[in-house]
Amino acid sequence: MKDGPNAKINALSTLFLDEPKLSIRTPLLLPRGENLVTEAKRDVEVKWMCEIGRELDLGLDTVGAAVSIFDHILTNLSVRFKYANCVATTALYIAIKLLEESLDSIALEDVLADFQVNYSIQEVLRMERIILSQLDWQLQFPSVERFVFLMLAQLDNVIYVESNDLRKRIEDLLCNWNLMSSYRPSVLASSLITVMANEDENGLIGLKVMARMTQKFGIDRNELRQCSSCLEDLFYDASDKEN
């Protein structure tokens, strides 16, 4: 079957092969220049995309795909500050056309009304042509949420993750350029699962999950620990971590 175990294993292997080789030493960088999109502006726009996703009940895979498209454009083109939201709007529209089935209509006019933005249809279509040309129509990339879903399926239900909580954690991560640009998606996904597993009372499940991550997926233990610590800082304040 299309979604059987072998298909999921093959899909995960493909993601590992295709993901960018990022590290703290070799992070993704946004182009620098006057009036260009900054890391802070990028995070603001991604937060907006996540909020729209929740308001319209879009799938997390749709939002994740939109963020990946957005980030690829920001890192490959010098995008002016004033165009950031138009790029984000168009990236989300493209992702909806690719993946979404829940909306009553994906006609551009209706989508823009749902987004409550003031761009004309012509402006978004022009931006869409730029994005498609720049990405050469490659619109789905190895991303955190894709790794998370496939990894959880391979872990044989070692942990139970409540869907709303998982979505919130992934959204929090997507909105943090510093982490998204410094770790491979597979490491971020592994760390996120490990951190959520650590929420059990004694932390034993988290230790077991970390061991499974390093053995089953070949994730470097030191990198996993370092990234997990960063995610704990992102998800919890100091008092939460101490408790």
Protein backbone atom coordinates (compact mmCIF):
# COMPACT_ATOMS: atom_id res chain seq x y z
CA MET A 1 0.00 0.00 0.00
CA LYS A 2 1.08 3.54 -0.63
CA ASP A 3 1.24 4.45 3.07
CA GLY A 4 2.57 1.11 4.31
CA PRO A 5 5.69 0.66 6.47
CA ASN A 6 8.08 0.28 3.53
CA ALA A 7 6.75 3.43 1.87
CA LYS A 8 7.28 5.41 5.08
CA ILE A 9 10.80 4.01 5.52
CA ASN A 10 11.65 4.94 1.93
CA ALA A 11 10.16 8.41 2.35
CA LEU A 12 12.23 8.97 5.49
CA SER A 13 15.41 7.77 3.77
CA THR A 14 14.77 10.21 0.92
CA LEU A 15 14.34 13.08 3.36
CA PHE A 16 17.66 12.25 5.02
CA LEU A 17 19.41 12.23 1.65
CA ASP A 18 17.87 15.50 0.48
CA GLU A 19 18.01 17.62 3.63
CA PRO A 20 20.46 20.55 3.80
CA LYS A 21 23.70 19.87 5.66
CA LEU A 22 23.36 22.58 8.28
CA SER A 23 25.23 23.01 11.52
CA ILE A 24 26.01 25.73 14.03
CA ARG A 25 29.29 26.25 12.16
CA THR A 26 27.62 26.39 8.73
CA PRO A 27 24.16 27.92 9.25
CA LEU A 28 21.80 29.26 6.64
CA LEU A 29 22.17 33.00 6.25
CA LEU A 30 19.79 35.65 5.02
CA PRO A 31 21.20 38.17 2.54
CA ARG A 32 22.35 41.38 4.21
CA GLY A 33 21.58 44.84 2.92
CA GLU A 34 19.59 47.99 3.44
CA ASN A 35 15.83 47.39 3.66
CA LEU A 36 16.18 43.61 3.24
CA VAL A 37 14.24 41.09 5.31
CA THR A 38 15.86 40.48 8.69
CA GLU A 39 15.74 37.38 10.89
CA ALA A 40 13.23 39.12 13.17
CA LYS A 41 10.96 40.04 10.24
CA ARG A 42 11.18 36.48 8.95
CA ASP A 43 10.00 35.16 12.32
CA VAL A 44 7.11 37.64 12.39
CA GLU A 45 5.89 36.47 8.98
CA VAL A 46 6.19 32.79 9.88
CA LYS A 47 4.18 33.43 13.05
CA TRP A 48 1.54 35.07 10.88
CA MET A 49 1.46 32.01 8.59
CA CYS A 50 1.04 29.72 11.59
CA GLU A 51 -1.82 31.86 12.91
CA ILE A 52 -3.57 31.81 9.53
CA GLY A 53 -3.09 28.06 9.43
CA ARG A 54 -4.87 27.66 12.74
CA GLU A 55 -7.66 30.10 11.87
CA LEU A 56 -8.40 28.29 8.59
CA ASP A 57 -7.80 24.81 10.06
CA LEU A 58 -5.02 24.10 7.58
CA GLY A 59 -2.94 20.98 7.98
CA LEU A 60 0.43 21.34 9.67
CA ASP A 61 1.99 19.86 6.54
CA THR A 62 0.53 22.77 4.56
CA VAL A 63 1.93 25.36 6.95
CA GLY A 64 5.30 23.59 7.07
CA ALA A 65 5.50 23.49 3.28
CA ALA A 66 4.68 27.20 3.11
CA VAL A 67 7.41 28.04 5.61
CA SER A 68 9.93 25.97 3.65
CA ILE A 69 9.04 27.78 0.42
CA PHE A 70 9.25 31.13 2.20
CA ASP A 71 12.66 30.36 3.71
CA HIS A 72 14.08 29.12 0.41
CA ILE A 73 13.09 32.39 -1.24
CA LEU A 74 14.50 34.50 1.58
CA THR A 75 17.86 32.71 1.49
CA ASN A 76 18.17 32.70 -2.30
CA LEU A 77 16.90 36.16 -3.17
CA SER A 78 17.42 39.61 -1.69
CA VAL A 79 13.84 40.23 -0.55
CA ARG A 80 12.98 43.76 0.49
CA PHE A 81 11.35 44.26 3.86
CA LYS A 82 8.14 45.64 2.33
CA TYR A 83 7.63 42.52 0.17
CA ALA A 84 8.04 39.99 3.00
CA ASN A 85 4.33 39.54 3.68
CA CYS A 86 3.50 39.26 -0.01
CA VAL A 87 6.07 36.46 -0.32
CA ALA A 88 4.62 34.79 2.79
CA THR A 89 1.08 35.13 1.46
CA THR A 90 2.04 33.63 -1.88
CA ALA A 91 4.03 30.79 -0.30
CA LEU A 92 1.02 29.86 1.82
CA TYR A 93 -1.27 30.03 -1.22
CA ILE A 94 1.06 27.72 -3.17
CA ALA A 95 1.16 25.25 -0.27
CA ILE A 96 -2.63 25.28 -0.04
CA LYS A 97 -2.91 24.42 -3.72
CA LEU A 98 -0.39 21.62 -3.26
CA LEU A 99 -1.70 19.97 -0.12
CA GLU A 100 -4.94 21.33 1.24
CA GLU A 101 -8.31 19.68 0.92
CA SER A 102 -10.16 21.24 3.86
CA LEU A 103 -10.98 24.64 2.34
CA ASP A 104 -14.30 25.12 0.59
CA SER A 105 -12.52 27.04 -2.16
CA ILE A 106 -8.89 27.51 -3.14
CA ALA A 107 -9.71 30.20 -5.68
CA LEU A 108 -7.17 32.96 -5.17
CA GLU A 109 -9.79 35.64 -4.55
CA ASP A 110 -11.36 33.55 -1.77
CA VAL A 111 -7.99 32.65 -0.25
CA LEU A 112 -6.91 36.30 -0.10
CA ALA A 113 -10.20 37.17 1.58
CA ASP A 114 -9.60 34.41 4.14
CA PHE A 115 -6.08 35.75 4.74
CA GLN A 116 -7.50 39.29 5.18
CA VAL A 117 -4.74 40.83 3.08
CA ASN A 118 -5.04 43.66 0.58
CA TYR A 119 -2.93 42.31 -2.28
CA SER A 120 -4.50 42.17 -5.70
CA ILE A 121 -4.82 38.89 -7.57
CA GLN A 122 -2.32 40.23 -10.11
CA GLU A 123 0.27 40.98 -7.41
CA VAL A 124 0.08 37.49 -5.94
CA LEU A 125 0.15 35.80 -9.35
CA ARG A 126 3.22 37.83 -10.26
CA MET A 127 4.91 36.81 -7.00
CA GLU A 128 3.90 33.20 -7.62
CA ARG A 129 5.66 33.24 -10.99
CA ILE A 130 8.81 34.60 -9.35
CA ILE A 131 8.75 31.91 -6.66
CA LEU A 132 8.08 29.06 -9.09
CA SER A 133 10.84 30.25 -11.39
CA GLN A 134 13.34 30.67 -8.56
CA LEU A 135 12.59 27.23 -7.10
CA ASP A 136 12.32 25.59 -10.53
CA TRP A 137 8.95 24.19 -9.44
CA GLN A 138 10.51 22.20 -6.61
CA LEU A 139 8.04 23.04 -3.88
CA GLN A 140 8.33 20.34 -1.22
CA PHE A 141 11.49 20.10 0.83
CA PRO A 142 12.75 18.04 3.77
CA SER A 143 11.16 19.85 6.70
CA VAL A 144 10.78 19.46 10.42
CA GLU A 145 7.14 18.39 10.45
CA ARG A 146 7.68 15.77 7.72
CA PHE A 147 10.54 14.25 9.71
CA VAL A 148 8.49 14.33 12.92
CA PHE A 149 5.52 12.46 11.45
CA LEU A 150 7.66 9.80 9.76
CA MET A 151 9.94 9.35 12.78
CA LEU A 152 7.01 8.92 15.15
CA ALA A 153 5.61 6.26 12.83
CA GLN A 154 8.95 4.41 12.98
CA LEU A 155 9.20 4.56 16.78
CA ASP A 156 6.40 2.02 17.23
CA ASN A 157 4.35 4.23 19.53
CA VAL A 158 7.13 4.50 22.10
CA ILE A 159 5.58 7.80 23.12
CA TYR A 160 2.14 9.33 22.78
CA VAL A 161 2.08 12.92 21.60
CA GLU A 162 -1.14 14.92 21.81
CA SER A 163 -1.75 16.46 18.39
CA ASN A 164 -2.50 20.03 19.52
CA ASP A 165 0.53 20.09 21.78
CA LEU A 166 2.71 18.72 18.98
CA ARG A 167 1.45 21.35 16.58
CA LYS A 168 2.17 24.15 19.04
CA ARG A 169 5.72 22.92 19.61
CA ILE A 170 6.41 22.62 15.90
CA GLU A 171 4.97 26.09 15.26
CA ASP A 172 7.13 27.55 18.02
CA LEU A 173 10.15 26.00 16.34
CA LEU A 174 9.18 27.15 12.85
CA CYS A 175 9.01 30.71 14.18
CA ASN A 176 12.61 30.61 15.42
CA TRP A 177 15.06 31.35 12.60
CA ASN A 178 18.07 30.99 14.86
CA LEU A 179 17.32 27.29 15.39
CA MET A 180 15.84 26.58 11.97
CA SER A 181 18.97 27.93 10.29
CA SER A 182 21.47 26.16 12.56
CA TYR A 183 20.32 22.54 12.66
CA ARG A 184 19.29 20.02 10.03
CA PRO A 185 15.53 19.32 9.95
CA SER A 186 16.17 15.72 11.04
CA VAL A 187 18.08 16.89 14.12
CA LEU A 188 15.38 19.42 14.99
CA ALA A 189 12.67 16.77 14.60
CA SER A 190 14.59 14.21 16.67
CA SER A 191 15.25 16.77 19.37
CA LEU A 192 11.64 17.91 19.45
CA ILE A 193 10.41 14.33 19.91
CA THR A 194 13.03 13.73 22.61
CA VAL A 195 12.07 16.89 24.50
CA MET A 196 8.38 16.03 24.38
CA ALA A 197 9.16 12.52 25.60
CA ASN A 198 11.07 14.06 28.51
CA GLU A 199 7.82 15.55 29.75
CA ASP A 200 7.05 12.28 31.55
CA GLU A 201 7.53 12.36 35.32
CA ASN A 202 10.94 10.72 35.62
CA GLY A 203 12.39 11.41 32.18
CA LEU A 204 13.09 7.73 31.50
CA ILE A 205 11.02 7.70 28.32
CA GLY A 206 13.05 10.64 27.03
CA LEU A 207 16.30 8.75 27.60
CA LYS A 208 14.93 5.71 25.77
CA VAL A 209 13.75 7.86 22.87
CA MET A 210 17.13 9.59 22.62
CA ALA A 211 18.83 6.19 22.43
CA ARG A 212 16.39 5.07 19.73
CA MET A 213 17.01 8.25 17.75
CA THR A 214 20.76 7.74 17.68
CA GLN A 215 20.51 4.03 16.86
CA LYS A 216 17.62 3.97 14.40
CA PHE A 217 18.22 7.23 12.55
CA GLY A 218 21.97 7.75 13.01
CA ILE A 219 21.54 11.12 14.72
CA ASP A 220 24.72 12.28 16.42
CA ARG A 221 24.17 12.05 20.19
CA ASN A 222 26.08 15.23 21.03
CA GLU A 223 24.25 17.25 18.40
CA LEU A 224 20.95 15.79 19.59
CA ARG A 225 21.68 16.76 23.19
CA GLN A 226 22.76 20.27 22.20
CA CYS A 227 19.71 20.86 20.03
CA SER A 228 17.38 19.35 22.66
CA SER A 229 18.75 21.78 25.23
CA CYS A 230 18.03 24.68 22.87
CA LEU A 231 14.47 23.47 22.36
CA GLU A 232 13.93 23.18 26.10
CA ASP A 233 15.01 26.81 26.40
CA LEU A 234 12.55 27.71 23.65
CA PHE A 235 9.60 25.75 25.02
CA TYR A 236 10.00 26.25 28.75
CA ASP A 237 11.18 29.05 31.01
CA ALA A 238 13.87 28.46 33.63
CA SER A 239 11.43 27.55 36.41
CA ASP A 240 9.73 24.95 34.21
CA LYS A 241 13.08 23.34 33.38
CA GLU A 242 14.06 23.16 37.05
CA ASN A 243 10.78 21.46 37.93
